[in-house]
Amino acid sequence: RLVPTSSPFVFTSARKSVYGWGAAPIGLKFNFRRNRRVQPFGQATGGFLYFSDQVPNLNTSQFNFTFDFSGGVQVVNTNRRSFTIGYKYQHISNGYTGIFNPGVDLQMIFAGFSVFR
């Protein structure tokens, strides 16, 4: 193990698998131009994550909160199918439920395909 003297975290050179699950029960999505083929949208969600070990590193917490903001374009065709592309910013942190709260910020471009009934 490598332990830097100026940091409270322990860094290891070995890989380790950590498993987790979560839910985002709070969310809001707003589609602009709903009756049109091209629909810009904005969305925000909030929830929690629980891991099998402390994440992102030791002395933090197994329980983390998460929220994200995203926006993009949804293109709907007449066959009740749509294609979505967008940008998402996501934040994960334990909200000081552990000794340290380092937090993780993610940015991603996403794409999706939907089939409606």
C-alpha atoms as a PDB file:
ATOM      1  CA  ARG A   1       0.000   0.000   0.000  1.00  0.00           C
ATOM      2  CA  LEU A   2       1.084   3.518  -0.750  1.00  0.00           C
ATOM      3  CA  VAL A   3       0.199   5.972   2.013  1.00  0.00           C
ATOM      4  CA  PRO A   4       0.955   9.625   1.273  1.00  0.00           C
ATOM      5  CA  THR A   5       1.706  11.629   4.427  1.00  0.00           C
ATOM      6  CA  SER A   6      -0.344  14.668   3.393  1.00  0.00           C
ATOM      7  CA  SER A   7      -3.520  12.703   2.626  1.00  0.00           C
ATOM      8  CA  PRO A   8      -5.953  10.836   4.915  1.00  0.00           C
ATOM      9  CA  PHE A   9      -6.681   8.326   2.128  1.00  0.00           C
ATOM     10  CA  VAL A  10      -4.961   5.020   1.445  1.00  0.00           C
ATOM     11  CA  PHE A  11      -4.035   4.249  -2.164  1.00  0.00           C
ATOM     12  CA  THR A  12      -3.491   0.679  -3.300  1.00  0.00           C
ATOM     13  CA  SER A  13      -2.038  -0.626  -6.515  1.00  0.00           C
ATOM     14  CA  ALA A  14      -4.348  -3.688  -6.600  1.00  0.00           C
ATOM     15  CA  ARG A  15      -7.802  -3.709  -8.181  1.00  0.00           C
ATOM     16  CA  LYS A  16     -10.872  -4.514  -6.119  1.00  0.00           C
ATOM     17  CA  SER A  17     -14.481  -5.101  -7.128  1.00  0.00           C
ATOM     18  CA  VAL A  18     -17.141  -3.181  -5.219  1.00  0.00           C
ATOM     19  CA  TYR A  19     -20.835  -3.798  -5.839  1.00  0.00           C
ATOM     20  CA  GLY A  20     -23.646  -1.370  -5.298  1.00  0.00           C
ATOM     21  CA  TRP A  21     -27.295  -0.608  -5.882  1.00  0.00           C
ATOM     22  CA  GLY A  22     -29.381   2.509  -5.722  1.00  0.00           C
ATOM     23  CA  ALA A  23     -32.507   4.343  -6.706  1.00  0.00           C
ATOM     24  CA  ALA A  24     -33.394   7.827  -7.894  1.00  0.00           C
ATOM     25  CA  PRO A  25     -37.017   8.242  -6.763  1.00  0.00           C
ATOM     26  CA  ILE A  26     -37.060  12.036  -7.087  1.00  0.00           C
ATOM     27  CA  GLY A  27     -37.105  13.391 -10.614  1.00  0.00           C
ATOM     28  CA  LEU A  28     -38.513  15.970 -12.955  1.00  0.00           C
ATOM     29  CA  LYS A  29     -38.360  16.070 -16.761  1.00  0.00           C
ATOM     30  CA  PHE A  30     -39.619  18.884 -18.915  1.00  0.00           C
ATOM     31  CA  ASN A  31     -40.040  18.399 -22.688  1.00  0.00           C
ATOM     32  CA  PHE A  32     -40.244  21.584 -24.718  1.00  0.00           C
ATOM     33  CA  ARG A  33     -42.380  21.459 -27.906  1.00  0.00           C
ATOM     34  CA  ARG A  34     -44.143  18.243 -26.794  1.00  0.00           C
ATOM     35  CA  ASN A  35     -46.262  17.791 -29.911  1.00  0.00           C
ATOM     36  CA  ARG A  36     -43.358  18.203 -32.310  1.00  0.00           C
ATOM     37  CA  ARG A  37     -41.011  15.645 -33.794  1.00  0.00           C
ATOM     38  CA  VAL A  38     -37.885  17.249 -32.259  1.00  0.00           C
ATOM     39  CA  GLN A  39     -38.331  17.848 -28.528  1.00  0.00           C
ATOM     40  CA  PRO A  40     -35.585  19.534 -26.476  1.00  0.00           C
ATOM     41  CA  PHE A  41     -35.717  18.537 -22.793  1.00  0.00           C
ATOM     42  CA  GLY A  42     -34.261  19.286 -19.378  1.00  0.00           C
ATOM     43  CA  GLN A  43     -34.285  16.921 -16.427  1.00  0.00           C
ATOM     44  CA  ALA A  44     -33.072  16.572 -12.836  1.00  0.00           C
ATOM     45  CA  THR A  45     -33.084  13.520 -10.530  1.00  0.00           C
ATOM     46  CA  GLY A  46     -32.004  12.742  -6.981  1.00  0.00           C
ATOM     47  CA  GLY A  47     -31.464   9.523  -5.079  1.00  0.00           C
ATOM     48  CA  PHE A  48     -29.058   7.301  -3.177  1.00  0.00           C
ATOM     49  CA  LEU A  49     -26.468   4.566  -3.705  1.00  0.00           C
ATOM     50  CA  TYR A  50     -25.373   1.784  -1.328  1.00  0.00           C
ATOM     51  CA  PHE A  51     -22.114  -0.132  -1.908  1.00  0.00           C
ATOM     52  CA  SER A  52     -20.570  -3.340  -0.528  1.00  0.00           C
ATOM     53  CA  ASP A  53     -17.547  -1.309   0.686  1.00  0.00           C
ATOM     54  CA  GLN A  54     -16.723   2.328   1.392  1.00  0.00           C
ATOM     55  CA  VAL A  55     -16.762   4.365  -1.836  1.00  0.00           C
ATOM     56  CA  PRO A  56     -14.886   6.234  -3.265  1.00  0.00           C
ATOM     57  CA  ASN A  57     -12.188   5.287  -0.722  1.00  0.00           C
ATOM     58  CA  LEU A  58     -11.598   4.265   2.904  1.00  0.00           C
ATOM     59  CA  ASN A  59     -12.898   6.416   5.775  1.00  0.00           C
ATOM     60  CA  THR A  60     -15.822   7.643   3.680  1.00  0.00           C
ATOM     61  CA  SER A  61     -19.152   5.765   3.623  1.00  0.00           C
ATOM     62  CA  GLN A  62     -21.001   2.856   2.040  1.00  0.00           C
ATOM     63  CA  PHE A  63     -24.089   5.072   1.669  1.00  0.00           C
ATOM     64  CA  ASN A  64     -23.965   7.944  -0.846  1.00  0.00           C
ATOM     65  CA  PHE A  65     -26.380  10.512  -2.214  1.00  0.00           C
ATOM     66  CA  THR A  66     -26.616  11.336  -5.900  1.00  0.00           C
ATOM     67  CA  PHE A  67     -28.192  14.037  -8.034  1.00  0.00           C
ATOM     68  CA  ASP A  68     -27.907  14.936 -11.681  1.00  0.00           C
ATOM     69  CA  PHE A  69     -28.929  17.540 -14.215  1.00  0.00           C
ATOM     70  CA  SER A  70     -29.265  16.732 -17.892  1.00  0.00           C
ATOM     71  CA  GLY A  71     -30.515  18.189 -21.121  1.00  0.00           C
ATOM     72  CA  GLY A  72     -30.754  17.124 -24.700  1.00  0.00           C
ATOM     73  CA  VAL A  73     -32.974  16.405 -27.672  1.00  0.00           C
ATOM     74  CA  GLN A  74     -35.523  13.637 -28.177  1.00  0.00           C
ATOM     75  CA  VAL A  75     -36.501  12.862 -31.786  1.00  0.00           C
ATOM     76  CA  VAL A  76     -39.853  11.039 -32.050  1.00  0.00           C
ATOM     77  CA  ASN A  77     -41.015   9.278 -35.219  1.00  0.00           C
ATOM     78  CA  THR A  78     -44.509   8.128 -36.217  1.00  0.00           C
ATOM     79  CA  ASN A  79     -43.906   4.465 -35.262  1.00  0.00           C
ATOM     80  CA  ARG A  80     -43.905   5.294 -31.526  1.00  0.00           C
ATOM     81  CA  ARG A  81     -40.144   5.153 -31.303  1.00  0.00           C
ATOM     82  CA  SER A  82     -37.688   7.835 -30.311  1.00  0.00           C
ATOM     83  CA  PHE A  83     -33.982   8.511 -30.241  1.00  0.00           C
ATOM     84  CA  THR A  84     -32.466  10.646 -27.473  1.00  0.00           C
ATOM     85  CA  ILE A  85     -29.081  12.319 -27.188  1.00  0.00           C
ATOM     86  CA  GLY A  86     -27.966  14.579 -24.375  1.00  0.00           C
ATOM     87  CA  TYR A  87     -25.474  15.748 -21.778  1.00  0.00           C
ATOM     88  CA  LYS A  88     -25.553  14.854 -18.060  1.00  0.00           C
ATOM     89  CA  TYR A  89     -23.738  16.224 -14.999  1.00  0.00           C
ATOM     90  CA  GLN A  90     -23.900  13.914 -11.955  1.00  0.00           C
ATOM     91  CA  HIS A  91     -22.615  14.364  -8.399  1.00  0.00           C
ATOM     92  CA  ILE A  92     -22.109  11.571  -5.842  1.00  0.00           C
ATOM     93  CA  SER A  93     -21.181  12.210  -2.196  1.00  0.00           C
ATOM     94  CA  ASN A  94     -21.947  10.869   1.245  1.00  0.00           C
ATOM     95  CA  GLY A  95     -23.260  14.169   2.644  1.00  0.00           C
ATOM     96  CA  TYR A  96     -20.773  13.930   5.551  1.00  0.00           C
ATOM     97  CA  THR A  97     -22.230  10.646   6.832  1.00  0.00           C
ATOM     98  CA  GLY A  98     -18.618   9.347   6.910  1.00  0.00           C
ATOM     99  CA  ILE A  99     -15.387  10.763   8.319  1.00  0.00           C
ATOM    100  CA  PHE A 100     -14.547  12.313   4.929  1.00  0.00           C
ATOM    101  CA  ASN A 101     -16.763  13.522   2.086  1.00  0.00           C
ATOM    102  CA  PRO A 102     -14.604  13.617  -1.068  1.00  0.00           C
ATOM    103  CA  GLY A 103     -17.453  13.545  -3.599  1.00  0.00           C
ATOM    104  CA  VAL A 104     -17.302  12.479  -7.239  1.00  0.00           C
ATOM    105  CA  ASP A 105     -18.416  14.628 -10.180  1.00  0.00           C
ATOM    106  CA  LEU A 106     -19.209  13.017 -13.535  1.00  0.00           C
ATOM    107  CA  GLN A 107     -19.941  14.488 -16.937  1.00  0.00           C
ATOM    108  CA  MET A 108     -21.208  12.350 -19.779  1.00  0.00           C
ATOM    109  CA  ILE A 109     -22.799  12.416 -23.195  1.00  0.00           C
ATOM    110  CA  PHE A 110     -25.552   9.816 -23.525  1.00  0.00           C
ATOM    111  CA  ALA A 111     -27.754   8.335 -26.220  1.00  0.00           C
ATOM    112  CA  GLY A 112     -30.872   6.192 -25.994  1.00  0.00           C
ATOM    113  CA  PHE A 113     -33.578   4.501 -28.022  1.00  0.00           C
ATOM    114  CA  SER A 114     -37.179   4.127 -26.770  1.00  0.00           C
ATOM    115  CA  VAL A 115     -40.194   2.118 -27.952  1.00  0.00           C
ATOM    116  CA  PHE A 116     -43.629   3.295 -26.759  1.00  0.00           C
ATOM    117  CA  ARG A 117     -46.856   1.310 -26.507  1.00  0.00           C
END
